[in-house]
Amino acid sequence: LFVVLAITFFVCGMQLVFLTTHLPSYLDLCGMDPMLGAQALGVIGGFNVLGSLFFGWAGGRWNKLVLLGGIYTLRSLTLAWYFMTLPTPAGTLVFAAIMGFLWLGVAPLVTGWIGETFGLKWLAMLGGVAFVGHQLGSFVGAYGGGLVFDLAGSYTLAWQIGVALGLAAGLVQGGYAWLQGRTGPPRLRPG
């Protein structure tokens, strides 16, 4: 399950850094006011605080893997909705609020699951390993998005890949949560 968690965390980094790197350029290409990109990133930051608090709270009450699967799925559906329509200032800010709420709510869920599954002794090391996956995804989101744009002349393929991988991550994460529920919770390892 840890490998699945780390791979889906890769997708998390890819989606988020693709947006922070390329959303302002995308809006500029669509003829939107350059200030809208800055406003959207600010809204993402504000709603990220609320989402992180909410998912930290929710992770103490419900299955963390189900919540992670839900975040990846909702993010992907939100990305698809936004990039399949022409951007407007209001639509961009609504998109930013939804994405911000779903932004780093994964952090308390990932670290909470690692702590529950492997114990606090291994939390720092395994959390760091999972975060390496996130950072590799961040590199792919930033560099890959630019590479796709340079080769194709648009961001369409880049966001489609992000949506497809996000939906797959949500399905896999949720599937493992369902499997875990059928076989019982993971046992803590001694030490």
N, C-alpha and C. Protein backbone atom coordinates (compact mmCIF):
# COMPACT_ATOMS: atom_id res chain seq x y z
N LEU A 1 0.81 -1.20 0.00
CA LEU A 1 0.00 0.00 0.00
C LEU A 1 0.85 1.27 0.00
N PHE A 2 2.02 1.20 0.64
CA PHE A 2 2.88 2.39 0.68
C PHE A 2 3.33 2.80 -0.72
N VAL A 3 3.65 1.83 -1.56
CA VAL A 3 4.09 2.13 -2.93
C VAL A 3 2.96 2.84 -3.69
N VAL A 4 1.74 2.35 -3.52
CA VAL A 4 0.59 3.00 -4.15
C VAL A 4 0.46 4.43 -3.64
N LEU A 5 0.59 4.61 -2.35
CA LEU A 5 0.50 5.93 -1.75
C LEU A 5 1.56 6.87 -2.34
N ALA A 6 2.78 6.38 -2.48
CA ALA A 6 3.86 7.21 -3.02
C ALA A 6 3.64 7.54 -4.49
N ILE A 7 3.12 6.59 -5.25
CA ILE A 7 2.87 6.83 -6.68
C ILE A 7 1.74 7.84 -6.86
N THR A 8 0.70 7.72 -6.05
CA THR A 8 -0.39 8.69 -6.18
C THR A 8 0.05 10.06 -5.70
N PHE A 9 0.98 10.10 -4.75
CA PHE A 9 1.53 11.38 -4.29
C PHE A 9 2.33 12.04 -5.42
N PHE A 10 2.95 11.23 -6.30
CA PHE A 10 3.61 11.74 -7.50
C PHE A 10 2.61 12.53 -8.35
N VAL A 11 1.42 11.95 -8.54
CA VAL A 11 0.38 12.60 -9.35
C VAL A 11 -0.05 13.91 -8.70
N CYS A 12 -0.12 13.91 -7.38
CA CYS A 12 -0.46 15.13 -6.65
C CYS A 12 0.51 16.26 -7.01
N GLY A 13 1.79 15.99 -6.89
CA GLY A 13 2.80 17.00 -7.21
C GLY A 13 2.73 17.45 -8.66
N MET A 14 2.49 16.51 -9.55
CA MET A 14 2.41 16.83 -10.97
C MET A 14 1.27 17.81 -11.25
N GLN A 15 0.09 17.52 -10.70
CA GLN A 15 -1.06 18.39 -10.95
C GLN A 15 -0.86 19.79 -10.37
N LEU A 16 -0.37 19.84 -9.14
CA LEU A 16 -0.27 21.13 -8.46
C LEU A 16 0.78 22.04 -9.07
N VAL A 17 1.94 21.49 -9.37
CA VAL A 17 3.00 22.35 -9.90
C VAL A 17 2.74 22.70 -11.37
N PHE A 18 2.03 21.81 -12.09
CA PHE A 18 1.60 22.19 -13.44
C PHE A 18 0.77 23.47 -13.36
N LEU A 19 -0.16 23.52 -12.42
CA LEU A 19 -1.01 24.70 -12.30
C LEU A 19 -0.23 25.94 -11.88
N THR A 20 0.58 25.83 -10.84
CA THR A 20 1.28 27.02 -10.37
C THR A 20 2.25 27.55 -11.41
N THR A 21 2.80 26.66 -12.22
CA THR A 21 3.76 27.08 -13.24
C THR A 21 3.07 27.61 -14.49
N HIS A 22 2.00 26.94 -14.92
CA HIS A 22 1.45 27.22 -16.25
C HIS A 22 0.11 27.93 -16.28
N LEU A 23 -0.61 28.03 -15.16
CA LEU A 23 -1.91 28.71 -15.19
C LEU A 23 -1.79 30.17 -15.63
N PRO A 24 -0.83 30.95 -15.09
CA PRO A 24 -0.73 32.34 -15.57
C PRO A 24 -0.46 32.43 -17.08
N SER A 25 0.38 31.56 -17.61
CA SER A 25 0.66 31.57 -19.06
C SER A 25 -0.58 31.17 -19.85
N TYR A 26 -1.30 30.18 -19.36
CA TYR A 26 -2.53 29.74 -20.02
C TYR A 26 -3.54 30.88 -20.08
N LEU A 27 -3.71 31.58 -18.98
CA LEU A 27 -4.66 32.70 -18.96
C LEU A 27 -4.22 33.80 -19.91
N ASP A 28 -2.92 34.05 -19.99
CA ASP A 28 -2.40 35.05 -20.92
C ASP A 28 -2.68 34.63 -22.36
N LEU A 29 -2.49 33.36 -22.67
CA LEU A 29 -2.78 32.86 -24.02
C LEU A 29 -4.25 33.01 -24.38
N CYS A 30 -5.10 32.93 -23.36
CA CYS A 30 -6.55 33.06 -23.58
C CYS A 30 -7.00 34.52 -23.60
N GLY A 31 -6.04 35.45 -23.50
CA GLY A 31 -6.36 36.87 -23.56
C GLY A 31 -6.90 37.45 -22.27
N MET A 32 -6.68 36.75 -21.18
CA MET A 32 -7.16 37.24 -19.89
C MET A 32 -6.14 38.23 -19.29
N ASP A 33 -6.62 39.05 -18.38
CA ASP A 33 -5.78 40.01 -17.68
C ASP A 33 -4.68 39.26 -16.93
N PRO A 34 -3.41 39.64 -17.09
CA PRO A 34 -2.34 38.94 -16.38
C PRO A 34 -2.52 38.93 -14.86
N MET A 35 -3.19 39.91 -14.33
CA MET A 35 -3.42 39.96 -12.89
C MET A 35 -4.33 38.82 -12.42
N LEU A 36 -5.14 38.27 -13.33
CA LEU A 36 -6.03 37.17 -12.96
C LEU A 36 -5.24 35.94 -12.51
N GLY A 37 -4.11 35.69 -13.14
CA GLY A 37 -3.27 34.57 -12.73
C GLY A 37 -2.78 34.74 -11.30
N ALA A 38 -2.37 35.96 -10.96
CA ALA A 38 -1.92 36.24 -9.59
C ALA A 38 -3.08 36.12 -8.61
N GLN A 39 -4.24 36.62 -8.99
CA GLN A 39 -5.42 36.50 -8.12
C GLN A 39 -5.79 35.04 -7.91
N ALA A 40 -5.73 34.24 -8.97
CA ALA A 40 -6.07 32.83 -8.85
C ALA A 40 -5.11 32.11 -7.92
N LEU A 41 -3.82 32.39 -8.04
CA LEU A 41 -2.85 31.75 -7.15
C LEU A 41 -3.06 32.20 -5.69
N GLY A 42 -3.47 33.45 -5.50
CA GLY A 42 -3.78 33.92 -4.15
C GLY A 42 -5.00 33.22 -3.57
N VAL A 43 -6.02 33.04 -4.40
CA VAL A 43 -7.23 32.32 -3.95
C VAL A 43 -6.88 30.87 -3.62
N ILE A 44 -6.05 30.25 -4.46
CA ILE A 44 -5.61 28.87 -4.18
C ILE A 44 -4.95 28.82 -2.80
N GLY A 45 -4.06 29.77 -2.52
CA GLY A 45 -3.37 29.79 -1.23
C GLY A 45 -4.32 29.95 -0.06
N GLY A 46 -5.30 30.84 -0.19
CA GLY A 46 -6.26 31.05 0.90
C GLY A 46 -7.12 29.82 1.15
N PHE A 47 -7.63 29.23 0.10
CA PHE A 47 -8.49 28.06 0.26
C PHE A 47 -7.69 26.82 0.64
N ASN A 48 -6.38 26.83 0.35
CA ASN A 48 -5.52 25.73 0.76
C ASN A 48 -5.50 25.61 2.29
N VAL A 49 -5.48 26.73 2.97
CA VAL A 49 -5.49 26.72 4.43
C VAL A 49 -6.75 26.01 4.94
N LEU A 50 -7.89 26.40 4.38
CA LEU A 50 -9.16 25.80 4.80
C LEU A 50 -9.20 24.30 4.48
N GLY A 51 -8.76 23.93 3.29
CA GLY A 51 -8.78 22.53 2.89
C GLY A 51 -7.86 21.68 3.73
N SER A 52 -6.67 22.19 4.04
CA SER A 52 -5.73 21.43 4.86
C SER A 52 -6.30 21.20 6.26
N LEU A 53 -6.91 22.22 6.82
CA LEU A 53 -7.55 22.06 8.13
C LEU A 53 -8.69 21.06 8.07
N PHE A 54 -9.53 21.18 7.03
CA PHE A 54 -10.67 20.28 6.91
C PHE A 54 -10.22 18.83 6.76
N PHE A 55 -9.28 18.57 5.86
CA PHE A 55 -8.87 17.18 5.62
C PHE A 55 -8.06 16.62 6.79
N GLY A 56 -7.37 17.47 7.55
CA GLY A 56 -6.75 17.00 8.77
C GLY A 56 -7.80 16.53 9.77
N TRP A 57 -8.87 17.32 9.88
CA TRP A 57 -9.98 16.94 10.76
C TRP A 57 -10.68 15.69 10.23
N ALA A 58 -10.99 15.67 8.94
CA ALA A 58 -11.71 14.54 8.34
C ALA A 58 -10.91 13.25 8.43
N GLY A 59 -9.60 13.34 8.29
CA GLY A 59 -8.75 12.16 8.37
C GLY A 59 -8.77 11.49 9.74
N GLY A 60 -9.14 12.24 10.75
CA GLY A 60 -9.29 11.66 12.08
C GLY A 60 -10.62 10.95 12.27
N ARG A 61 -11.52 11.09 11.30
CA ARG A 61 -12.86 10.52 11.42
C ARG A 61 -13.19 9.47 10.38
N TRP A 62 -12.60 9.60 9.19
CA TRP A 62 -12.93 8.69 8.10
C TRP A 62 -11.65 8.08 7.52
N ASN A 63 -11.82 7.12 6.66
CA ASN A 63 -10.71 6.41 6.05
C ASN A 63 -9.84 7.38 5.23
N LYS A 64 -8.59 7.47 5.60
CA LYS A 64 -7.68 8.42 4.95
C LYS A 64 -7.46 8.09 3.47
N LEU A 65 -7.41 6.81 3.13
CA LEU A 65 -7.18 6.44 1.73
C LEU A 65 -8.39 6.77 0.87
N VAL A 66 -9.60 6.62 1.41
CA VAL A 66 -10.81 7.00 0.68
C VAL A 66 -10.81 8.51 0.44
N LEU A 67 -10.45 9.27 1.48
CA LEU A 67 -10.38 10.73 1.33
C LEU A 67 -9.33 11.13 0.28
N LEU A 68 -8.16 10.46 0.30
CA LEU A 68 -7.14 10.75 -0.71
C LEU A 68 -7.66 10.46 -2.11
N GLY A 69 -8.30 9.30 -2.28
CA GLY A 69 -8.88 8.97 -3.59
C GLY A 69 -9.89 10.01 -4.02
N GLY A 70 -10.69 10.49 -3.07
CA GLY A 70 -11.67 11.52 -3.38
C GLY A 70 -11.03 12.83 -3.80
N ILE A 71 -9.95 13.21 -3.12
CA ILE A 71 -9.25 14.45 -3.49
C ILE A 71 -8.71 14.35 -4.91
N TYR A 72 -8.02 13.25 -5.23
CA TYR A 72 -7.44 13.10 -6.57
C TYR A 72 -8.53 13.10 -7.64
N THR A 73 -9.65 12.45 -7.36
CA THR A 73 -10.74 12.39 -8.32
C THR A 73 -11.38 13.77 -8.51
N LEU A 74 -11.70 14.44 -7.40
CA LEU A 74 -12.32 15.77 -7.50
C LEU A 74 -11.40 16.79 -8.15
N ARG A 75 -10.11 16.73 -7.84
CA ARG A 75 -9.16 17.62 -8.51
C ARG A 75 -9.19 17.41 -10.02
N SER A 76 -9.18 16.15 -10.42
CA SER A 76 -9.13 15.83 -11.85
C SER A 76 -10.40 16.28 -12.56
N LEU A 77 -11.54 16.06 -11.94
CA LEU A 77 -12.81 16.51 -12.53
C LEU A 77 -12.86 18.04 -12.62
N THR A 78 -12.32 18.71 -11.62
CA THR A 78 -12.27 20.17 -11.63
C THR A 78 -11.34 20.67 -12.73
N LEU A 79 -10.19 20.02 -12.88
CA LEU A 79 -9.27 20.39 -13.98
C LEU A 79 -9.95 20.20 -15.34
N ALA A 80 -10.62 19.08 -15.52
CA ALA A 80 -11.30 18.81 -16.79
C ALA A 80 -12.36 19.87 -17.06
N TRP A 81 -13.18 20.16 -16.05
CA TRP A 81 -14.23 21.18 -16.22
C TRP A 81 -13.61 22.51 -16.64
N TYR A 82 -12.58 22.94 -15.94
CA TYR A 82 -12.01 24.25 -16.20
C TYR A 82 -11.37 24.35 -17.58
N PHE A 83 -10.58 23.35 -17.95
CA PHE A 83 -9.85 23.44 -19.21
C PHE A 83 -10.71 23.08 -20.42
N MET A 84 -11.89 22.53 -20.21
CA MET A 84 -12.79 22.24 -21.33
C MET A 84 -13.69 23.43 -21.66
N THR A 85 -13.66 24.46 -20.83
CA THR A 85 -14.46 25.65 -21.08
C THR A 85 -13.52 26.84 -21.29
N LEU A 86 -14.04 27.88 -21.89
CA LEU A 86 -13.24 29.10 -22.04
C LEU A 86 -13.16 29.78 -20.68
N PRO A 87 -11.97 30.22 -20.29
CA PRO A 87 -11.85 30.84 -18.96
C PRO A 87 -12.52 32.21 -18.91
N THR A 88 -13.13 32.46 -17.78
CA THR A 88 -13.66 33.78 -17.46
C THR A 88 -13.06 34.17 -16.11
N PRO A 89 -13.07 35.44 -15.77
CA PRO A 89 -12.53 35.82 -14.46
C PRO A 89 -13.26 35.11 -13.30
N ALA A 90 -14.58 35.10 -13.35
CA ALA A 90 -15.34 34.46 -12.26
C ALA A 90 -15.09 32.95 -12.24
N GLY A 91 -15.12 32.31 -13.40
CA GLY A 91 -14.89 30.87 -13.48
C GLY A 91 -13.49 30.50 -13.01
N THR A 92 -12.52 31.35 -13.32
CA THR A 92 -11.14 31.09 -12.89
C THR A 92 -11.02 31.16 -11.38
N LEU A 93 -11.68 32.12 -10.77
CA LEU A 93 -11.60 32.25 -9.31
C LEU A 93 -12.36 31.13 -8.60
N VAL A 94 -13.48 30.68 -9.17
CA VAL A 94 -14.19 29.52 -8.61
C VAL A 94 -13.30 28.28 -8.73
N PHE A 95 -12.70 28.09 -9.90
CA PHE A 95 -11.77 26.99 -10.12
C PHE A 95 -10.63 27.04 -9.08
N ALA A 96 -10.06 28.22 -8.88
CA ALA A 96 -8.96 28.39 -7.94
C ALA A 96 -9.41 28.06 -6.51
N ALA A 97 -10.62 28.44 -6.15
CA ALA A 97 -11.12 28.14 -4.80
C ALA A 97 -11.28 26.63 -4.60
N ILE A 98 -11.84 25.96 -5.59
CA ILE A 98 -12.01 24.50 -5.48
C ILE A 98 -10.66 23.81 -5.43
N MET A 99 -9.77 24.18 -6.34
CA MET A 99 -8.44 23.56 -6.36
C MET A 99 -7.68 23.87 -5.08
N GLY A 100 -7.80 25.09 -4.59
CA GLY A 100 -7.12 25.45 -3.35
C GLY A 100 -7.60 24.61 -2.18
N PHE A 101 -8.90 24.39 -2.10
CA PHE A 101 -9.46 23.57 -1.01
C PHE A 101 -8.92 22.15 -1.08
N LEU A 102 -8.69 21.65 -2.29
CA LEU A 102 -8.19 20.29 -2.48
C LEU A 102 -6.67 20.23 -2.56
N TRP A 103 -6.01 21.35 -2.45
CA TRP A 103 -4.58 21.50 -2.75
C TRP A 103 -3.69 20.61 -1.88
N LEU A 104 -3.48 20.96 -0.63
CA LEU A 104 -2.57 20.20 0.21
C LEU A 104 -3.29 19.48 1.35
N GLY A 105 -4.57 19.24 1.18
CA GLY A 105 -5.28 18.41 2.13
C GLY A 105 -4.74 16.99 2.14
N VAL A 106 -3.96 16.66 1.12
CA VAL A 106 -3.36 15.32 1.08
C VAL A 106 -2.27 15.16 2.14
N ALA A 107 -1.61 16.24 2.53
CA ALA A 107 -0.48 16.13 3.46
C ALA A 107 -0.88 15.52 4.81
N PRO A 108 -1.93 16.02 5.48
CA PRO A 108 -2.29 15.38 6.75
C PRO A 108 -2.79 13.94 6.57
N LEU A 109 -3.38 13.66 5.42
CA LEU A 109 -3.88 12.30 5.17
C LEU A 109 -2.73 11.32 4.93
N VAL A 110 -1.75 11.74 4.13
CA VAL A 110 -0.60 10.88 3.85
C VAL A 110 0.20 10.63 5.12
N THR A 111 0.54 11.70 5.83
CA THR A 111 1.34 11.52 7.04
C THR A 111 0.57 10.77 8.13
N GLY A 112 -0.74 11.04 8.22
CA GLY A 112 -1.55 10.31 9.19
C GLY A 112 -1.61 8.83 8.90
N TRP A 113 -1.77 8.48 7.63
CA TRP A 113 -1.84 7.06 7.25
C TRP A 113 -0.49 6.38 7.52
N ILE A 114 0.60 7.04 7.17
CA ILE A 114 1.92 6.46 7.41
C ILE A 114 2.12 6.24 8.91
N GLY A 115 1.77 7.24 9.73
CA GLY A 115 1.93 7.10 11.16
C GLY A 115 1.10 5.97 11.75
N GLU A 116 -0.14 5.84 11.28
CA GLU A 116 -1.01 4.77 11.77
C GLU A 116 -0.53 3.39 11.32
N THR A 117 -0.03 3.31 10.11
CA THR A 117 0.33 2.02 9.52
C THR A 117 1.70 1.54 10.00
N PHE A 118 2.67 2.42 10.05
CA PHE A 118 4.05 2.01 10.35
C PHE A 118 4.55 2.50 11.71
N GLY A 119 3.79 3.35 12.36
CA GLY A 119 4.20 3.89 13.65
C GLY A 119 5.02 5.16 13.51
N LEU A 120 5.09 5.90 14.59
CA LEU A 120 5.79 7.19 14.56
C LEU A 120 7.29 7.04 14.33
N LYS A 121 7.83 5.89 14.69
CA LYS A 121 9.27 5.66 14.51
C LYS A 121 9.67 5.82 13.04
N TRP A 122 8.80 5.41 12.12
CA TRP A 122 9.13 5.41 10.69
C TRP A 122 8.47 6.56 9.93
N LEU A 123 7.74 7.41 10.64
CA LEU A 123 6.99 8.47 9.96
C LEU A 123 7.88 9.43 9.18
N ALA A 124 8.95 9.90 9.79
CA ALA A 124 9.81 10.88 9.11
C ALA A 124 10.46 10.29 7.87
N MET A 125 11.00 9.08 8.00
CA MET A 125 11.67 8.47 6.85
C MET A 125 10.69 8.15 5.72
N LEU A 126 9.59 7.48 6.05
CA LEU A 126 8.64 7.09 5.01
C LEU A 126 7.89 8.30 4.46
N GLY A 127 7.63 9.29 5.31
CA GLY A 127 7.04 10.53 4.81
C GLY A 127 7.98 11.21 3.83
N GLY A 128 9.28 11.19 4.13
CA GLY A 128 10.27 11.76 3.21
C GLY A 128 10.35 11.02 1.90
N VAL A 129 10.30 9.69 1.97
CA VAL A 129 10.32 8.89 0.73
C VAL A 129 9.09 9.21 -0.12
N ALA A 130 7.93 9.26 0.51
CA ALA A 130 6.70 9.59 -0.23
C ALA A 130 6.82 10.99 -0.84
N PHE A 131 7.42 11.93 -0.08
CA PHE A 131 7.54 13.29 -0.58
C PHE A 131 8.50 13.40 -1.76
N VAL A 132 9.49 12.51 -1.81
CA VAL A 132 10.36 12.47 -2.99
C VAL A 132 9.52 12.18 -4.23
N GLY A 133 8.57 11.25 -4.11
CA GLY A 133 7.66 10.97 -5.23
C GLY A 133 6.87 12.21 -5.61
N HIS A 134 6.41 12.95 -4.61
CA HIS A 134 5.67 14.19 -4.86
C HIS A 134 6.53 15.19 -5.62
N GLN A 135 7.78 15.32 -5.20
CA GLN A 135 8.67 16.28 -5.83
C GLN A 135 9.05 15.86 -7.26
N LEU A 136 9.19 14.57 -7.50
CA LEU A 136 9.41 14.11 -8.87
C LEU A 136 8.20 14.45 -9.74
N GLY A 137 7.02 14.27 -9.18
CA GLY A 137 5.80 14.66 -9.90
C GLY A 137 5.77 16.16 -10.16
N SER A 138 6.25 16.94 -9.19
CA SER A 138 6.30 18.39 -9.36
C SER A 138 7.20 18.77 -10.54
N PHE A 139 8.33 18.10 -10.64
CA PHE A 139 9.24 18.33 -11.77
C PHE A 139 8.54 18.02 -13.08
N VAL A 140 7.86 16.87 -13.13
CA VAL A 140 7.17 16.46 -14.37
C VAL A 140 6.06 17.46 -14.70
N GLY A 141 5.35 17.94 -13.69
CA GLY A 141 4.28 18.91 -13.94
C GLY A 141 4.79 20.20 -14.54
N ALA A 142 5.88 20.72 -13.98
CA ALA A 142 6.44 21.99 -14.47
C ALA A 142 7.14 21.81 -15.81
N TYR A 143 8.09 20.89 -15.85
CA TYR A 143 8.89 20.70 -17.06
C TYR A 143 8.06 20.04 -18.17
N GLY A 144 7.33 19.01 -17.79
CA GLY A 144 6.52 18.29 -18.79
C GLY A 144 5.45 19.16 -19.40
N GLY A 145 4.82 20.01 -18.57
CA GLY A 145 3.80 20.92 -19.11
C GLY A 145 4.40 21.86 -20.14
N GLY A 146 5.59 22.39 -19.83
CA GLY A 146 6.27 23.27 -20.79
C GLY A 146 6.71 22.54 -22.03
N LEU A 147 7.20 21.32 -21.86
CA LEU A 147 7.64 20.52 -23.01
C LEU A 147 6.46 20.21 -23.93
N VAL A 148 5.34 19.80 -23.33
CA VAL A 148 4.14 19.52 -24.13
C VAL A 148 3.70 20.78 -24.86
N PHE A 149 3.72 21.91 -24.18
CA PHE A 149 3.33 23.16 -24.83
C PHE A 149 4.26 23.49 -25.99
N ASP A 150 5.55 23.33 -25.78
CA ASP A 150 6.52 23.62 -26.85
C ASP A 150 6.32 22.71 -28.05
N LEU A 151 6.02 21.44 -27.81
CA LEU A 151 5.86 20.48 -28.91
C LEU A 151 4.51 20.59 -29.60
N ALA A 152 3.45 20.83 -28.81
CA ALA A 152 2.10 20.80 -29.37
C ALA A 152 1.53 22.19 -29.63
N GLY A 153 2.10 23.21 -29.02
CA GLY A 153 1.58 24.56 -29.20
C GLY A 153 0.38 24.89 -28.34
N SER A 154 0.00 23.99 -27.43
CA SER A 154 -1.10 24.25 -26.51
C SER A 154 -0.91 23.39 -25.26
N TYR A 155 -1.71 23.70 -24.25
CA TYR A 155 -1.65 22.94 -23.00
C TYR A 155 -2.65 21.78 -22.98
N THR A 156 -3.38 21.57 -24.06
CA THR A 156 -4.45 20.58 -24.06
C THR A 156 -3.96 19.19 -23.67
N LEU A 157 -2.93 18.69 -24.30
CA LEU A 157 -2.44 17.35 -23.98
C LEU A 157 -1.92 17.28 -22.55
N ALA A 158 -1.29 18.35 -22.08
CA ALA A 158 -0.75 18.36 -20.71
C ALA A 158 -1.86 18.23 -19.68
N TRP A 159 -2.94 19.02 -19.82
CA TRP A 159 -3.99 18.91 -18.81
C TRP A 159 -4.75 17.60 -18.96
N GLN A 160 -4.85 17.07 -20.19
CA GLN A 160 -5.52 15.78 -20.37
C GLN A 160 -4.73 14.66 -19.67
N ILE A 161 -3.41 14.70 -19.76
CA ILE A 161 -2.58 13.72 -19.06
C ILE A 161 -2.77 13.88 -17.55
N GLY A 162 -2.77 15.11 -17.08
CA GLY A 162 -2.97 15.37 -15.65
C GLY A 162 -4.30 14.85 -15.15
N VAL A 163 -5.35 15.04 -15.95
CA VAL A 163 -6.68 14.55 -15.56
C VAL A 163 -6.70 13.02 -15.57
N ALA A 164 -6.16 12.42 -16.61
CA ALA A 164 -6.18 10.95 -16.71
C ALA A 164 -5.39 10.31 -15.56
N LEU A 165 -4.20 10.83 -15.28
CA LEU A 165 -3.41 10.27 -14.19
C LEU A 165 -4.07 10.53 -12.83
N GLY A 166 -4.70 11.67 -12.68
CA GLY A 166 -5.40 11.97 -11.44
C GLY A 166 -6.59 11.06 -11.20
N LEU A 167 -7.35 10.79 -12.27
CA LEU A 167 -8.48 9.87 -12.13
C LEU A 167 -7.99 8.45 -11.82
N ALA A 168 -6.89 8.06 -12.46
CA ALA A 168 -6.32 6.74 -12.17
C ALA A 168 -5.84 6.68 -10.72
N ALA A 169 -5.18 7.74 -10.24
CA ALA A 169 -4.72 7.78 -8.85
C ALA A 169 -5.89 7.70 -7.89
N GLY A 170 -6.95 8.42 -8.18
CA GLY A 170 -8.13 8.37 -7.32
C GLY A 170 -8.76 7.00 -7.29
N LEU A 171 -8.84 6.37 -8.44
CA LEU A 171 -9.42 5.03 -8.53
C LEU A 171 -8.56 4.01 -7.79
N VAL A 172 -7.26 4.06 -8.02
CA VAL A 172 -6.35 3.11 -7.36
C VAL A 172 -6.35 3.33 -5.85
N GLN A 173 -6.25 4.59 -5.42
CA GLN A 173 -6.23 4.88 -3.99
C GLN A 173 -7.53 4.44 -3.33
N GLY A 174 -8.66 4.76 -3.97
CA GLY A 174 -9.95 4.34 -3.44
C GLY A 174 -10.12 2.83 -3.47
N GLY A 175 -9.61 2.18 -4.52
CA GLY A 175 -9.69 0.72 -4.61
C GLY A 175 -8.91 0.04 -3.51
N TYR A 176 -7.73 0.56 -3.20
CA TYR A 176 -6.95 0.00 -2.11
C TYR A 176 -7.63 0.24 -0.76
N ALA A 177 -8.29 1.38 -0.64
CA ALA A 177 -9.03 1.63 0.61
C ALA A 177 -10.16 0.62 0.76
N TRP A 178 -10.85 0.33 -0.33
CA TRP A 178 -11.93 -0.65 -0.30
C TRP A 178 -11.36 -2.02 0.05
N LEU A 179 -10.25 -2.37 -0.58
CA LEU A 179 -9.60 -3.65 -0.29
C LEU A 179 -9.16 -3.72 1.17
N GLN A 180 -8.62 -2.65 1.67
CA GLN A 180 -8.20 -2.59 3.06
C GLN A 180 -9.40 -2.81 3.98
N GLY A 181 -10.53 -2.22 3.66
CA GLY A 181 -11.74 -2.39 4.46
C GLY A 181 -12.22 -3.83 4.46
N ARG A 182 -12.00 -4.55 3.37
CA ARG A 182 -12.44 -5.94 3.29
C ARG A 182 -11.48 -6.89 4.00
N THR A 183 -10.23 -6.52 4.07
CA THR A 183 -9.25 -7.41 4.70
C THR A 183 -8.89 -6.95 6.10
N GLY A 184 -9.44 -5.85 6.56
CA GLY A 184 -9.14 -5.32 7.89
C GLY A 184 -8.08 -4.25 7.82
N PRO A 185 -7.98 -3.46 8.87
CA PRO A 185 -6.99 -2.37 8.87
C PRO A 185 -5.57 -2.92 8.94
N PRO A 186 -4.62 -2.15 8.45
CA PRO A 186 -3.23 -2.60 8.54
C PRO A 186 -2.80 -2.67 10.00
N ARG A 187 -1.90 -3.56 10.29
CA ARG A 187 -1.41 -3.71 11.66
C ARG A 187 -0.15 -2.87 11.83
N LEU A 188 -0.05 -2.25 12.98
CA LEU A 188 1.15 -1.50 13.29
C LEU A 188 2.30 -2.44 13.52
N ARG A 189 3.42 -2.06 13.02
CA ARG A 189 4.62 -2.88 13.22
C ARG A 189 5.25 -2.49 14.55
N PRO A 190 5.79 -3.46 15.25
CA PRO A 190 6.40 -3.11 16.55
C PRO A 190 7.58 -2.16 16.37
N GLY A 191 7.82 -1.37 17.36
CA GLY A 191 8.99 -0.50 17.36
C GLY A 191 8.62 0.86 17.08
